[in-house]
N, C-alpha and C. Protein backbone atom coordinates (compact mmCIF):
# COMPACT_ATOMS: atom_id res chain seq x y z
N MET A 1 13.12 -7.40 41.64
CA MET A 1 12.94 -7.01 40.25
C MET A 1 12.23 -8.15 39.52
N SER A 2 11.26 -7.78 38.66
CA SER A 2 10.54 -8.81 37.92
C SER A 2 11.17 -8.99 36.54
N PHE A 3 10.91 -10.15 35.98
CA PHE A 3 11.45 -10.50 34.67
C PHE A 3 10.31 -10.91 33.75
N LYS A 4 10.54 -10.78 32.45
CA LYS A 4 9.56 -11.20 31.45
C LYS A 4 10.32 -11.91 30.34
N VAL A 5 9.70 -12.94 29.77
CA VAL A 5 10.34 -13.72 28.72
C VAL A 5 10.00 -13.11 27.36
N CYS A 6 11.03 -12.95 26.53
CA CYS A 6 10.85 -12.49 25.16
C CYS A 6 11.26 -13.62 24.22
N THR A 7 10.41 -13.92 23.24
CA THR A 7 10.72 -14.98 22.27
C THR A 7 10.85 -14.41 20.87
N GLY A 8 11.18 -13.15 20.76
CA GLY A 8 11.23 -12.46 19.47
C GLY A 8 12.41 -12.87 18.60
N PRO A 9 12.49 -12.30 17.40
CA PRO A 9 13.49 -12.70 16.41
C PRO A 9 14.92 -12.27 16.71
N ALA A 10 15.11 -11.34 17.64
CA ALA A 10 16.46 -10.88 17.95
C ALA A 10 17.21 -11.87 18.85
N HIS A 11 16.51 -12.87 19.37
CA HIS A 11 17.11 -13.84 20.29
C HIS A 11 17.10 -15.23 19.66
N SER A 12 18.11 -16.03 19.97
CA SER A 12 18.17 -17.38 19.43
C SER A 12 17.15 -18.29 20.10
N GLY A 13 16.71 -17.95 21.28
CA GLY A 13 15.69 -18.71 22.00
C GLY A 13 15.01 -17.80 22.99
N PRO A 14 14.10 -18.32 23.81
CA PRO A 14 13.45 -17.49 24.82
C PRO A 14 14.47 -16.90 25.80
N VAL A 15 14.33 -15.61 26.09
CA VAL A 15 15.27 -14.91 26.95
C VAL A 15 14.49 -14.18 28.04
N ARG A 16 14.96 -14.30 29.27
CA ARG A 16 14.36 -13.57 30.39
C ARG A 16 15.06 -12.22 30.52
N LEU A 17 14.26 -11.16 30.47
CA LEU A 17 14.81 -9.81 30.57
C LEU A 17 14.13 -9.08 31.72
N PRO A 18 14.87 -8.22 32.42
CA PRO A 18 14.25 -7.45 33.50
C PRO A 18 13.21 -6.48 32.94
N VAL A 19 12.14 -6.30 33.66
CA VAL A 19 11.07 -5.39 33.24
C VAL A 19 11.48 -3.98 33.66
N ASP A 20 12.11 -3.26 32.73
CA ASP A 20 12.53 -1.88 32.98
C ASP A 20 12.49 -1.10 31.67
N GLU A 21 12.73 0.20 31.75
CA GLU A 21 12.67 1.09 30.59
C GLU A 21 13.75 0.76 29.56
N GLU A 22 14.85 0.16 29.99
CA GLU A 22 15.95 -0.15 29.08
C GLU A 22 15.57 -1.28 28.12
N HIS A 23 14.78 -2.24 28.57
CA HIS A 23 14.50 -3.43 27.77
C HIS A 23 13.09 -3.46 27.15
N TRP A 24 12.13 -2.75 27.71
CA TRP A 24 10.74 -2.88 27.28
C TRP A 24 10.08 -1.54 27.04
N HIS A 25 9.13 -1.52 26.10
CA HIS A 25 8.18 -0.42 25.97
C HIS A 25 6.96 -0.81 26.81
N PHE A 26 6.19 0.19 27.26
CA PHE A 26 5.03 -0.08 28.09
C PHE A 26 3.77 0.49 27.46
N HIS A 27 2.65 -0.19 27.66
CA HIS A 27 1.36 0.30 27.18
C HIS A 27 1.06 1.61 27.89
N ARG A 28 0.59 2.60 27.12
CA ARG A 28 0.32 3.93 27.68
C ARG A 28 -1.10 4.08 28.16
N SER A 29 -2.04 3.38 27.53
CA SER A 29 -3.44 3.55 27.90
C SER A 29 -4.18 2.24 27.72
N GLY A 30 -5.42 2.26 28.10
CA GLY A 30 -6.26 1.07 27.95
C GLY A 30 -6.13 0.13 29.13
N PRO A 31 -6.68 -1.08 29.00
CA PRO A 31 -6.68 -2.02 30.12
C PRO A 31 -5.28 -2.51 30.50
N LYS A 32 -4.31 -2.41 29.58
CA LYS A 32 -2.96 -2.88 29.87
C LYS A 32 -2.00 -1.74 30.20
N ALA A 33 -2.51 -0.58 30.51
CA ALA A 33 -1.68 0.59 30.79
C ALA A 33 -0.66 0.26 31.88
N GLY A 34 0.60 0.58 31.60
CA GLY A 34 1.67 0.35 32.57
C GLY A 34 2.33 -1.02 32.44
N GLN A 35 1.73 -1.93 31.69
CA GLN A 35 2.32 -3.26 31.52
C GLN A 35 3.26 -3.26 30.32
N PRO A 36 4.28 -4.13 30.32
CA PRO A 36 5.19 -4.19 29.17
C PRO A 36 4.48 -4.78 27.95
N VAL A 37 4.92 -4.35 26.76
CA VAL A 37 4.35 -4.88 25.52
C VAL A 37 4.85 -6.30 25.28
N ALA A 38 4.38 -6.94 24.22
CA ALA A 38 4.67 -8.36 23.99
C ALA A 38 6.14 -8.63 23.69
N ARG A 39 6.79 -7.78 22.91
CA ARG A 39 8.19 -8.00 22.53
C ARG A 39 9.08 -6.90 23.11
N CYS A 40 10.32 -7.26 23.38
CA CYS A 40 11.27 -6.29 23.94
C CYS A 40 11.63 -5.24 22.89
N LYS A 41 12.29 -4.18 23.30
CA LYS A 41 12.66 -3.09 22.40
C LYS A 41 13.54 -3.58 21.26
N LEU A 42 14.47 -4.47 21.56
CA LEU A 42 15.39 -4.98 20.54
C LEU A 42 14.62 -5.74 19.46
N CYS A 43 13.66 -6.56 19.84
CA CYS A 43 12.90 -7.35 18.86
C CYS A 43 11.96 -6.47 18.04
N GLN A 44 11.39 -5.43 18.63
CA GLN A 44 10.53 -4.53 17.86
C GLN A 44 11.34 -3.81 16.80
N ASN A 45 12.51 -3.33 17.16
CA ASN A 45 13.37 -2.65 16.19
C ASN A 45 13.94 -3.64 15.18
N TRP A 46 14.21 -4.85 15.61
CA TRP A 46 14.78 -5.89 14.76
C TRP A 46 13.88 -6.14 13.56
N SER A 47 12.60 -6.30 13.80
CA SER A 47 11.70 -6.61 12.70
C SER A 47 11.63 -5.47 11.69
N LYS A 48 11.81 -4.23 12.13
CA LYS A 48 11.81 -3.10 11.21
C LYS A 48 13.09 -3.07 10.37
N LEU A 49 14.20 -3.48 10.96
CA LEU A 49 15.48 -3.39 10.27
C LEU A 49 15.76 -4.58 9.36
N VAL A 50 15.26 -5.74 9.69
CA VAL A 50 15.67 -6.97 9.01
C VAL A 50 14.67 -7.45 7.96
N ARG A 51 13.47 -6.89 7.88
CA ARG A 51 12.48 -7.37 6.93
C ARG A 51 13.01 -7.34 5.52
N LYS A 52 12.81 -8.44 4.81
CA LYS A 52 13.26 -8.50 3.44
C LYS A 52 12.12 -8.93 2.52
N ASP A 53 10.90 -8.90 2.99
CA ASP A 53 9.77 -9.38 2.20
C ASP A 53 9.05 -8.25 1.47
N GLY A 54 9.71 -7.15 1.22
CA GLY A 54 9.11 -6.08 0.44
C GLY A 54 9.09 -4.77 1.18
N PRO A 55 8.60 -3.73 0.51
CA PRO A 55 8.57 -2.40 1.11
C PRO A 55 7.54 -2.31 2.23
N HIS A 56 7.85 -1.52 3.24
CA HIS A 56 6.94 -1.34 4.37
C HIS A 56 6.77 0.14 4.66
N GLY A 57 5.69 0.46 5.27
CA GLY A 57 5.40 1.84 5.62
C GLY A 57 4.32 2.41 4.72
N LEU A 58 4.15 3.71 4.78
CA LEU A 58 3.10 4.37 4.02
C LEU A 58 3.70 5.39 3.05
N VAL A 59 2.99 5.62 1.95
CA VAL A 59 3.36 6.66 1.01
C VAL A 59 2.11 7.51 0.76
N LYS A 60 2.30 8.77 0.40
CA LYS A 60 1.18 9.65 0.10
C LYS A 60 0.55 9.23 -1.23
N VAL A 61 -0.76 9.41 -1.31
CA VAL A 61 -1.46 9.16 -2.57
C VAL A 61 -1.35 10.45 -3.38
N THR A 62 -0.41 10.46 -4.31
CA THR A 62 -0.16 11.63 -5.14
C THR A 62 -1.13 11.64 -6.32
N PRO A 63 -1.27 12.77 -7.00
CA PRO A 63 -2.11 12.80 -8.20
C PRO A 63 -1.65 11.78 -9.25
N ARG A 64 -0.36 11.58 -9.34
CA ARG A 64 0.17 10.59 -10.30
C ARG A 64 -0.29 9.18 -9.95
N LEU A 65 -0.23 8.82 -8.67
CA LEU A 65 -0.68 7.49 -8.25
C LEU A 65 -2.18 7.34 -8.48
N ARG A 66 -2.95 8.41 -8.21
CA ARG A 66 -4.39 8.36 -8.48
C ARG A 66 -4.67 8.13 -9.95
N MET A 67 -3.91 8.82 -10.81
CA MET A 67 -4.10 8.67 -12.25
C MET A 67 -3.79 7.24 -12.69
N LEU A 68 -2.73 6.66 -12.14
CA LEU A 68 -2.37 5.29 -12.50
C LEU A 68 -3.41 4.30 -12.01
N ALA A 69 -3.98 4.55 -10.84
CA ALA A 69 -5.04 3.67 -10.32
C ALA A 69 -6.28 3.76 -11.22
N LYS A 70 -6.63 4.98 -11.65
CA LYS A 70 -7.77 5.14 -12.56
C LYS A 70 -7.52 4.41 -13.87
N GLU A 71 -6.30 4.50 -14.38
CA GLU A 71 -5.96 3.81 -15.63
C GLU A 71 -6.12 2.30 -15.47
N LEU A 72 -5.66 1.76 -14.34
CA LEU A 72 -5.79 0.32 -14.11
C LEU A 72 -7.26 -0.08 -14.03
N ILE A 73 -8.07 0.72 -13.36
CA ILE A 73 -9.51 0.43 -13.27
C ILE A 73 -10.14 0.44 -14.67
N ASP A 74 -9.79 1.44 -15.47
CA ASP A 74 -10.36 1.52 -16.82
C ASP A 74 -9.88 0.37 -17.69
N ARG A 75 -8.62 0.03 -17.59
CA ARG A 75 -8.09 -1.08 -18.39
C ARG A 75 -8.73 -2.41 -18.02
N CYS A 76 -9.04 -2.58 -16.74
CA CYS A 76 -9.64 -3.84 -16.27
C CYS A 76 -11.16 -3.80 -16.34
N ASP A 77 -11.72 -2.65 -16.72
CA ASP A 77 -13.17 -2.49 -16.84
C ASP A 77 -13.86 -2.58 -15.49
N GLY A 78 -13.25 -1.98 -14.46
CA GLY A 78 -13.90 -1.88 -13.16
C GLY A 78 -13.06 -2.39 -12.01
N CYS A 79 -13.41 -1.92 -10.81
CA CYS A 79 -12.67 -2.31 -9.60
C CYS A 79 -12.79 -3.80 -9.30
N HIS A 80 -13.96 -4.35 -9.60
CA HIS A 80 -14.18 -5.77 -9.33
C HIS A 80 -13.19 -6.63 -10.12
N ASN A 81 -12.96 -6.28 -11.38
CA ASN A 81 -12.02 -7.04 -12.21
C ASN A 81 -10.58 -6.85 -11.76
N VAL A 82 -10.25 -5.68 -11.24
CA VAL A 82 -8.90 -5.47 -10.69
C VAL A 82 -8.68 -6.47 -9.56
N GLU A 83 -9.70 -6.62 -8.71
CA GLU A 83 -9.59 -7.57 -7.60
C GLU A 83 -9.47 -9.00 -8.11
N LEU A 84 -10.26 -9.37 -9.09
CA LEU A 84 -10.22 -10.73 -9.63
C LEU A 84 -8.91 -11.04 -10.33
N TRP A 85 -8.44 -10.12 -11.14
CA TRP A 85 -7.29 -10.40 -11.99
C TRP A 85 -5.95 -10.13 -11.32
N HIS A 86 -5.90 -9.15 -10.42
CA HIS A 86 -4.61 -8.76 -9.85
C HIS A 86 -4.52 -8.88 -8.34
N GLY A 87 -5.62 -9.18 -7.67
CA GLY A 87 -5.59 -9.41 -6.24
C GLY A 87 -5.54 -8.16 -5.37
N ILE A 88 -5.77 -6.99 -5.95
CA ILE A 88 -5.83 -5.76 -5.17
C ILE A 88 -7.30 -5.51 -4.87
N ARG A 89 -7.64 -5.37 -3.59
CA ARG A 89 -9.05 -5.20 -3.22
C ARG A 89 -9.70 -4.07 -4.00
N GLY A 90 -10.90 -4.33 -4.46
CA GLY A 90 -11.64 -3.33 -5.23
C GLY A 90 -11.86 -2.05 -4.47
N GLU A 91 -12.20 -2.15 -3.18
CA GLU A 91 -12.42 -0.96 -2.36
C GLU A 91 -11.13 -0.16 -2.21
N THR A 92 -10.02 -0.85 -2.06
CA THR A 92 -8.73 -0.17 -1.91
C THR A 92 -8.38 0.62 -3.15
N ILE A 93 -8.51 -0.01 -4.32
CA ILE A 93 -8.15 0.68 -5.56
C ILE A 93 -9.12 1.83 -5.82
N ARG A 94 -10.39 1.67 -5.41
CA ARG A 94 -11.37 2.74 -5.61
C ARG A 94 -11.03 3.97 -4.78
N VAL A 95 -10.68 3.78 -3.48
CA VAL A 95 -10.39 4.95 -2.65
C VAL A 95 -9.07 5.61 -3.05
N ILE A 96 -8.16 4.85 -3.62
CA ILE A 96 -6.92 5.45 -4.14
C ILE A 96 -7.25 6.31 -5.35
N SER A 97 -8.06 5.77 -6.26
CA SER A 97 -8.36 6.47 -7.51
C SER A 97 -9.21 7.72 -7.30
N THR A 98 -10.04 7.74 -6.27
CA THR A 98 -10.89 8.91 -6.02
C THR A 98 -10.22 9.94 -5.13
N GLY A 99 -9.11 9.58 -4.50
CA GLY A 99 -8.41 10.51 -3.63
C GLY A 99 -9.00 10.59 -2.24
N GLU A 100 -9.89 9.65 -1.89
CA GLU A 100 -10.49 9.65 -0.56
C GLU A 100 -9.47 9.31 0.52
N GLN A 101 -8.46 8.56 0.14
CA GLN A 101 -7.45 8.14 1.10
C GLN A 101 -6.18 8.96 0.86
N LYS A 102 -5.58 9.46 1.92
CA LYS A 102 -4.42 10.34 1.80
C LYS A 102 -3.11 9.58 1.73
N SER A 103 -3.07 8.35 2.29
CA SER A 103 -1.86 7.54 2.23
C SER A 103 -2.23 6.08 2.03
N VAL A 104 -1.27 5.31 1.54
CA VAL A 104 -1.49 3.91 1.24
C VAL A 104 -0.20 3.16 1.57
N GLN A 105 -0.31 1.87 1.87
CA GLN A 105 0.89 1.09 2.17
C GLN A 105 1.79 1.02 0.94
N LYS A 106 3.09 1.06 1.17
CA LYS A 106 4.05 0.98 0.06
C LYS A 106 3.84 -0.31 -0.73
N LYS A 107 3.55 -1.38 -0.01
CA LYS A 107 3.35 -2.67 -0.67
C LYS A 107 2.16 -2.60 -1.63
N THR A 108 1.09 -1.92 -1.25
CA THR A 108 -0.08 -1.78 -2.11
C THR A 108 0.25 -0.94 -3.33
N ALA A 109 0.99 0.15 -3.12
CA ALA A 109 1.38 1.00 -4.25
C ALA A 109 2.26 0.22 -5.23
N ALA A 110 3.18 -0.59 -4.71
CA ALA A 110 4.03 -1.40 -5.57
C ALA A 110 3.21 -2.44 -6.34
N ARG A 111 2.23 -3.05 -5.67
CA ARG A 111 1.36 -4.02 -6.34
C ARG A 111 0.53 -3.35 -7.43
N LEU A 112 0.08 -2.12 -7.17
CA LEU A 112 -0.68 -1.38 -8.16
C LEU A 112 0.16 -1.14 -9.41
N LEU A 113 1.40 -0.72 -9.23
CA LEU A 113 2.28 -0.45 -10.37
C LEU A 113 2.59 -1.72 -11.15
N THR A 114 2.83 -2.82 -10.44
CA THR A 114 3.10 -4.09 -11.09
C THR A 114 1.87 -4.56 -11.87
N ALA A 115 0.69 -4.43 -11.26
CA ALA A 115 -0.55 -4.84 -11.92
C ALA A 115 -0.79 -4.01 -13.18
N LEU A 116 -0.51 -2.73 -13.12
CA LEU A 116 -0.71 -1.87 -14.29
C LEU A 116 0.24 -2.27 -15.41
N ALA A 117 1.49 -2.55 -15.07
CA ALA A 117 2.45 -2.99 -16.09
C ALA A 117 1.99 -4.30 -16.74
N GLU A 118 1.52 -5.24 -15.91
CA GLU A 118 1.02 -6.51 -16.45
C GLU A 118 -0.20 -6.29 -17.34
N GLN A 119 -1.11 -5.41 -16.91
CA GLN A 119 -2.32 -5.17 -17.67
C GLN A 119 -2.01 -4.48 -18.99
N ARG A 120 -1.04 -3.58 -19.01
CA ARG A 120 -0.64 -2.92 -20.26
C ARG A 120 -0.10 -3.96 -21.24
N LYS A 121 0.72 -4.90 -20.73
CA LYS A 121 1.23 -5.98 -21.59
C LYS A 121 0.09 -6.82 -22.15
N GLU A 122 -0.84 -7.17 -21.27
CA GLU A 122 -2.00 -7.97 -21.67
C GLU A 122 -2.82 -7.24 -22.73
N ASP A 123 -3.00 -5.93 -22.56
CA ASP A 123 -3.78 -5.15 -23.52
C ASP A 123 -3.06 -5.05 -24.86
N ARG A 124 -1.75 -4.99 -24.86
CA ARG A 124 -1.02 -4.96 -26.13
C ARG A 124 -1.20 -6.28 -26.89
N ARG A 125 -1.28 -7.38 -26.14
CA ARG A 125 -1.46 -8.69 -26.77
C ARG A 125 -2.89 -8.90 -27.25
N ASN A 126 -3.88 -8.53 -26.43
CA ASN A 126 -5.27 -8.91 -26.67
C ASN A 126 -6.20 -7.76 -27.02
N GLY A 127 -5.75 -6.55 -27.02
CA GLY A 127 -6.62 -5.41 -27.31
C GLY A 127 -7.13 -4.76 -26.03
N LEU A 128 -7.66 -3.56 -26.18
CA LEU A 128 -8.10 -2.76 -25.05
C LEU A 128 -9.56 -3.01 -24.71
N SER A 129 -9.92 -2.73 -23.46
CA SER A 129 -11.32 -2.84 -23.06
C SER A 129 -12.09 -1.64 -23.59
N ALA A 130 -13.39 -1.82 -23.76
CA ALA A 130 -14.25 -0.73 -24.25
C ALA A 130 -14.22 0.46 -23.30
N ARG A 131 -14.20 0.19 -22.01
CA ARG A 131 -14.19 1.26 -21.01
C ARG A 131 -12.91 2.10 -21.14
N PHE A 132 -11.75 1.42 -21.33
CA PHE A 132 -10.50 2.16 -21.45
C PHE A 132 -10.48 2.97 -22.73
N LEU A 133 -10.98 2.40 -23.83
CA LEU A 133 -11.02 3.15 -25.09
C LEU A 133 -11.88 4.40 -24.95
N ALA A 134 -13.03 4.28 -24.28
CA ALA A 134 -13.90 5.45 -24.09
C ALA A 134 -13.21 6.50 -23.22
N ALA A 135 -12.54 6.06 -22.16
CA ALA A 135 -11.83 7.01 -21.28
C ALA A 135 -10.70 7.69 -22.04
N ARG A 136 -10.01 6.95 -22.88
CA ARG A 136 -8.90 7.51 -23.66
C ARG A 136 -9.43 8.55 -24.66
N LYS A 137 -10.54 8.25 -25.30
CA LYS A 137 -11.12 9.20 -26.27
C LYS A 137 -11.53 10.49 -25.56
N GLN A 138 -12.12 10.37 -24.37
CA GLN A 138 -12.50 11.56 -23.60
C GLN A 138 -11.27 12.38 -23.24
N GLN A 139 -10.19 11.71 -22.87
CA GLN A 139 -8.95 12.42 -22.52
C GLN A 139 -8.40 13.17 -23.73
N ILE A 140 -8.43 12.55 -24.90
CA ILE A 140 -7.94 13.19 -26.12
C ILE A 140 -8.80 14.41 -26.44
N GLN A 141 -10.12 14.30 -26.27
CA GLN A 141 -11.00 15.43 -26.53
C GLN A 141 -10.74 16.58 -25.56
N ARG A 142 -10.51 16.27 -24.28
CA ARG A 142 -10.20 17.32 -23.29
C ARG A 142 -8.90 18.03 -23.65
N GLU A 143 -7.89 17.26 -24.04
CA GLU A 143 -6.60 17.87 -24.40
C GLU A 143 -6.74 18.75 -25.64
N ALA A 144 -7.51 18.30 -26.62
CA ALA A 144 -7.72 19.10 -27.83
C ALA A 144 -8.45 20.40 -27.49
N ARG A 145 -9.46 20.33 -26.62
CA ARG A 145 -10.19 21.52 -26.20
C ARG A 145 -9.27 22.50 -25.48
N LEU A 146 -8.40 21.99 -24.60
CA LEU A 146 -7.46 22.86 -23.90
C LEU A 146 -6.47 23.52 -24.86
N GLU A 147 -6.03 22.78 -25.87
CA GLU A 147 -5.11 23.36 -26.87
C GLU A 147 -5.80 24.46 -27.65
N ARG A 148 -7.06 24.23 -28.01
CA ARG A 148 -7.80 25.28 -28.74
C ARG A 148 -7.96 26.52 -27.90
N LEU A 149 -8.28 26.35 -26.62
CA LEU A 149 -8.45 27.49 -25.72
C LEU A 149 -7.14 28.22 -25.49
N ALA A 150 -6.04 27.50 -25.45
CA ALA A 150 -4.75 28.12 -25.21
C ALA A 150 -4.20 28.76 -26.49
N GLY A 151 -4.76 28.39 -27.65
CA GLY A 151 -4.34 29.01 -28.90
C GLY A 151 -3.11 28.37 -29.51
N TYR A 152 -2.88 27.09 -29.26
CA TYR A 152 -1.72 26.43 -29.87
C TYR A 152 -1.97 26.19 -31.29
């Protein structure tokens, strides 16, 4: 029986484990097909269970999240400024706001919400950008038109 050393977080030090289905996952395809992966099953699951550095995984890009991304872009006067001021890549925020991407990392969605809250505070202190004011006026006009059509 062969053994492989695992140095993952579930062990206090390097541990030799038998290479079998009980201890290891195996590569299914590619040049390493049939070989064990880098970390044992316990260490792979360990990192998913013990992470404390924020949310992990993916969330769907809902219409609400798209609307919030658009608001952040308008408040910052463009994707480039979102990247400069809040550290969220301009391309990432653009594909979220246009709906081109169906899911996004939870961490990115959380950063987007935090950035929007910070930008709203900043705008209350210093005033709104011209782009956001124009977008807001257009939204008010659309809502007024819809009310007239609905007969309110």
